[in-house]
Protein backbone atom coordinates (compact mmCIF):
# COMPACT_ATOMS: atom_id res chain seq x y z
CA UNK A 1 82.96 113.99 73.26
CA UNK A 2 80.00 111.68 73.86
CA UNK A 3 78.34 110.53 77.04
CA UNK A 4 78.08 106.78 77.48
CA UNK A 5 75.29 105.99 79.93
CA UNK A 6 74.55 102.72 81.65
CA UNK A 7 72.66 100.27 79.45
CA UNK A 8 72.29 102.52 76.42
CA UNK A 9 71.43 100.11 73.59
CA UNK A 10 73.59 101.95 71.05
CA UNK A 11 76.63 102.09 73.31
CA UNK A 12 79.58 99.77 72.66
CA UNK A 13 80.59 100.07 76.31
CA UNK A 14 78.00 98.91 78.82
CA UNK A 15 78.52 100.30 82.31
CA UNK A 16 76.96 99.14 85.60
CA UNK A 17 73.50 100.53 86.30
CA UNK A 18 73.43 103.97 87.87
CA UNK A 19 76.82 105.12 86.57
CA UNK A 20 77.09 107.90 83.99
CA UNK A 21 80.38 107.68 82.15
CA UNK A 22 81.95 110.19 79.78
CA UNK A 23 85.12 109.15 77.96
CA UNK A 24 87.32 111.74 76.22
CA UNK A 25 90.52 111.40 74.24
CA UNK A 26 92.35 114.18 76.08
CA UNK A 27 91.85 116.80 78.76
CA UNK A 28 93.91 118.81 81.19
CA UNK A 29 92.62 117.16 84.38
CA UNK A 30 89.59 114.93 84.84
CA UNK A 31 89.29 116.14 88.43
CA UNK A 32 89.20 119.80 87.43
CA UNK A 33 86.67 119.11 84.68
CA UNK A 34 84.39 116.99 86.85
CA UNK A 35 84.40 119.50 89.72
CA UNK A 36 83.16 122.09 87.22
CA UNK A 37 80.53 119.69 85.90
CA UNK A 38 79.47 118.94 89.48
CA UNK A 39 78.99 122.63 90.18
CA UNK A 40 76.79 122.74 87.07
CA UNK A 41 74.61 119.90 88.37
CA UNK A 42 76.25 116.68 87.15
CA UNK A 43 74.56 113.58 88.57
CA UNK A 44 75.65 111.41 91.46
CA UNK A 45 77.93 108.69 90.06
CA UNK A 46 79.02 110.82 87.11
CA UNK A 47 82.39 109.61 85.81
CA UNK A 48 84.93 111.29 83.53
CA UNK A 49 87.55 109.07 81.93
CA UNK A 50 90.37 110.38 79.73
CA UNK A 51 92.81 108.51 77.52
CA UNK A 52 95.37 111.25 78.21
CA UNK A 53 95.77 114.06 80.74
CA UNK A 54 98.06 116.98 80.06
CA UNK A 55 97.82 118.41 83.58
CA UNK A 56 97.07 115.45 85.83
CA UNK A 57 97.99 115.85 89.48
CA UNK A 58 98.61 113.42 92.32
CA UNK A 59 98.74 113.97 96.06
CA UNK A 60 100.92 116.78 97.44
CA UNK A 61 100.68 118.56 94.06
CA UNK A 62 102.80 115.98 92.24
CA UNK A 63 102.45 115.49 88.51
CA UNK A 64 100.72 112.30 87.38
CA UNK A 65 101.78 111.26 83.88
CA UNK A 66 100.89 108.38 81.56
CA UNK A 67 101.32 107.40 77.94
CA UNK A 68 98.16 108.14 75.89
CA UNK A 69 95.62 105.32 76.10
CA UNK A 70 97.79 103.09 78.25
CA UNK A 71 96.40 103.63 81.73
CA UNK A 72 93.19 104.30 83.63
CA UNK A 73 92.82 108.05 84.24
CA UNK A 74 89.41 108.74 85.73
CA UNK A 75 87.43 110.84 88.20
CA UNK A 76 84.21 109.90 89.97
CA UNK A 77 81.60 112.21 91.46
CA UNK A 78 79.66 111.34 94.62
CA UNK A 79 76.77 113.55 95.77
CA UNK A 80 76.74 113.34 99.54
CA UNK A 81 72.95 113.69 99.84
CA UNK A 82 72.48 110.56 97.72
CA UNK A 83 74.68 108.26 99.79
CA UNK A 84 74.78 107.04 103.33
CA UNK A 85 76.02 109.79 105.62
CA UNK A 86 79.74 109.19 105.92
CA UNK A 87 82.98 111.19 106.33
CA UNK A 88 84.38 112.45 103.03
CA UNK A 89 87.66 110.53 103.31
CA UNK A 90 85.71 107.27 103.02
CA UNK A 91 84.95 107.99 99.37
CA UNK A 92 88.66 107.91 98.56
CA UNK A 93 89.00 104.74 100.61
CA UNK A 94 86.19 103.10 98.63
CA UNK A 95 87.77 104.00 95.31
CA UNK A 96 91.18 102.72 96.42
CA UNK A 97 89.81 99.44 97.73
CA UNK A 98 87.71 98.98 94.60
CA UNK A 99 90.74 99.53 92.37
CA UNK A 100 92.78 96.97 94.31
CA UNK A 101 90.04 94.36 94.14
CA UNK A 102 89.49 95.02 90.43
CA UNK A 103 93.21 94.49 89.80
CA UNK A 104 93.03 91.18 91.66
CA UNK A 105 89.92 90.06 89.75
CA UNK A 106 91.35 90.88 86.32
CA UNK A 107 95.03 90.00 86.72
CA UNK A 108 95.31 87.81 89.82
CA UNK A 109 97.59 90.37 91.48
CA UNK A 110 96.29 92.18 94.58
CA UNK A 111 98.10 95.48 95.16
CA UNK A 112 98.89 96.51 98.70
CA UNK A 113 97.24 99.65 99.99
CA UNK A 114 99.58 102.20 101.54
CA UNK A 115 98.02 104.87 103.76
CA UNK A 116 96.07 106.79 102.82
CA UNK A 117 95.15 105.34 99.41
CA UNK A 118 98.19 104.57 97.23
CA UNK A 119 98.38 101.09 95.72
CA UNK A 120 101.72 99.28 95.59
CA UNK A 121 103.04 96.15 93.92
CA UNK A 122 106.49 95.00 95.08
CA UNK A 123 106.70 98.28 96.99
CA UNK A 124 106.36 100.26 93.74
CA UNK A 125 103.43 102.56 93.05
CA UNK A 126 100.77 101.30 90.67
CA UNK A 127 97.99 103.74 91.57
CA UNK A 128 97.40 107.09 93.22
CA UNK A 129 94.30 109.00 94.28
CA UNK A 130 93.42 112.67 94.66
CA UNK A 131 90.07 113.90 96.03
CA UNK A 132 88.54 117.38 95.82
CA UNK A 133 85.56 118.43 97.88
CA UNK A 134 82.88 120.94 96.91
CA UNK A 135 79.53 121.95 98.44
CA UNK A 136 77.27 118.91 98.22
CA UNK A 137 79.66 116.56 96.45
CA UNK A 138 83.17 115.13 96.31
CA UNK A 139 85.22 114.17 93.25
CA UNK A 140 87.72 111.35 93.56
CA UNK A 141 90.35 111.03 90.85
CA UNK A 142 92.43 107.90 90.40
CA UNK A 143 95.21 106.88 88.06
CA UNK A 144 96.09 103.20 87.65
CA UNK A 145 99.15 102.07 85.70
CA UNK A 146 97.56 99.41 83.52
CA UNK A 147 99.95 99.04 80.58
CA UNK A 148 102.67 101.64 81.25
CA UNK A 149 104.59 103.01 84.19
CA UNK A 150 107.53 105.39 84.70
CA UNK A 151 110.83 103.77 85.72
CA UNK A 152 110.28 104.08 89.47
CA UNK A 153 106.71 102.72 89.40
CA UNK A 154 104.87 99.52 88.42
CA UNK A 155 102.17 98.60 85.90
CA UNK A 156 99.72 95.71 85.94
CA UNK A 157 101.25 94.52 82.66
CA UNK A 158 104.64 94.27 84.36
CA UNK A 159 103.25 92.58 87.47
CA UNK A 160 101.12 90.06 85.55
CA UNK A 161 102.51 89.75 82.03
CA UNK A 162 100.34 86.71 81.25
CA UNK A 163 97.10 88.50 82.20
CA UNK A 164 96.11 91.35 79.92
CA UNK A 165 93.48 93.92 80.79
CA UNK A 166 92.39 97.38 79.66
CA UNK A 167 91.54 100.66 81.38
CA UNK A 168 87.87 100.22 80.40
CA UNK A 169 87.68 96.70 81.84
CA UNK A 170 89.32 97.88 85.05
CA UNK A 171 86.89 100.78 85.42
CA UNK A 172 83.83 98.58 84.85
CA UNK A 173 84.99 96.18 87.53
CA UNK A 174 85.78 99.05 89.91
CA UNK A 175 82.32 100.57 89.58
CA UNK A 176 80.67 97.27 90.50
CA UNK A 177 82.87 96.95 93.58
CA UNK A 178 82.14 100.55 94.62
CA UNK A 179 78.42 99.71 94.51
CA UNK A 180 79.08 96.92 97.03
CA UNK A 181 81.22 99.11 99.27
CA UNK A 182 78.70 101.97 99.26
CA UNK A 183 76.13 99.60 100.74
CA UNK A 184 78.29 99.24 103.88
CA UNK A 185 77.82 101.42 106.94
CA UNK A 186 80.67 103.83 107.77
CA UNK A 187 81.71 101.51 110.59
CA UNK A 188 81.77 98.46 108.31
CA UNK A 189 83.69 100.33 105.64
CA UNK A 190 86.25 101.54 108.18
CA UNK A 191 86.80 97.96 109.32
CA UNK A 192 87.33 96.76 105.75
CA UNK A 193 89.68 99.64 104.99
CA UNK A 194 91.75 98.96 108.10
CA UNK A 195 91.97 95.27 107.17
CA UNK A 196 93.08 96.20 103.64
CA UNK A 197 95.80 98.62 104.74
CA UNK A 198 99.28 97.12 104.42
CA UNK A 199 100.76 100.08 106.32
CA UNK A 200 99.41 98.91 109.67
CA UNK A 201 101.92 96.98 111.76
CA UNK A 202 104.85 98.18 109.68
CA UNK A 203 107.82 100.35 110.48
CA UNK A 204 107.29 103.56 108.54
CA UNK A 205 108.74 106.96 107.88
CA UNK A 206 106.18 109.70 107.41
CA UNK A 207 107.53 112.65 105.47
CA UNK A 208 105.62 115.79 106.36
CA UNK A 209 104.91 118.80 104.17
CA UNK A 210 107.10 120.83 106.57
CA UNK A 211 110.10 118.70 105.44
CA UNK A 212 110.16 117.05 108.87
CA UNK A 213 109.59 113.33 109.26
CA UNK A 214 108.39 110.85 111.85
CA UNK A 215 109.60 107.28 112.17
CA UNK A 216 107.89 104.53 114.11
CA UNK A 217 105.36 101.74 113.83
CA UNK A 218 101.96 102.36 112.26
CA UNK A 219 99.50 100.96 114.76
CA UNK A 220 96.05 102.23 113.83
CA UNK A 221 93.88 104.22 111.47
CA UNK A 222 91.25 106.21 113.32
CA UNK A 223 87.70 106.61 112.11
CA UNK A 224 88.54 110.16 110.98
CA UNK A 225 91.19 108.72 108.63
CA UNK A 226 94.24 109.80 110.63
CA UNK A 227 97.18 107.39 110.89
CA UNK A 228 98.58 106.70 114.36
CA UNK A 229 102.35 106.12 114.46
CA UNK A 230 104.10 105.05 117.68
CA UNK A 231 107.72 106.24 117.77
CA UNK A 232 110.68 104.75 119.65
CA UNK A 233 109.95 106.99 122.63
CA UNK A 234 106.42 105.53 122.91
CA UNK A 235 104.89 108.82 121.73
CA UNK A 236 101.81 108.48 119.51
CA UNK A 237 101.62 110.78 116.49
CA UNK A 238 98.24 111.32 114.84
CA UNK A 239 98.87 112.16 111.19
CA UNK A 240 96.32 113.56 108.77
CA UNK A 241 98.66 114.49 105.89
CA UNK A 242 102.02 113.05 104.94
CA UNK A 243 103.87 110.74 102.60
CA UNK A 244 104.41 107.28 104.09
CA UNK A 245 107.42 105.13 103.24
CA UNK A 246 107.30 101.46 104.23
CA UNK A 247 110.70 100.72 105.74
CA UNK A 248 110.55 96.93 105.52
CA UNK A 249 112.07 96.88 102.03
CA UNK A 250 114.91 99.25 102.79
């Protein structure tokens, strides 16, 4: 396992300035590993990329799987004392928006963002995000289906068969976009996130961890990250955790 740092002359992979990237062939979970490295003092903008994860997890404790070497499996560490003061959920928003814009730049296809941070193409999942907080830093893990997807999901190769890209190229582009987004104030970032969110204005079903669900129209994302859903009885529900289904395609 070697560390590839930005602008190292002997490195075959040049990363944007200020990012410290480690790439490994296999690990259990990049999030778990990077949280441990963060507790041991890993730098702001440390990144751990794996060609394969044997214990990758998505939101709500779901398993995230991918064929070895096919997809982007990566975690990013942000030290909160080295960034603008902002709520922690905005780091996941930045990573999600950066991934969507990188997909557009490299393949011509712009995924839709489903609250809170899933990326969809043709209403099928192409990317998921899981964040873990720790004292003084947050680690944001993301998986993007670049060249492979399970049957119920979508890959960039399927969505844009004439435009080929790689996990490394996607990550490089993402890091540059994150640099741009980090320069925004929390208010500016919230405005961009809200504008990027395909969920707003749609009829949705929000499946809760209690096995209950709420149906209505998604009308707003608040600055604290909660989704506001207006049901048929004109009651507003403020949701901080749940699985959203866009009902337009059903």
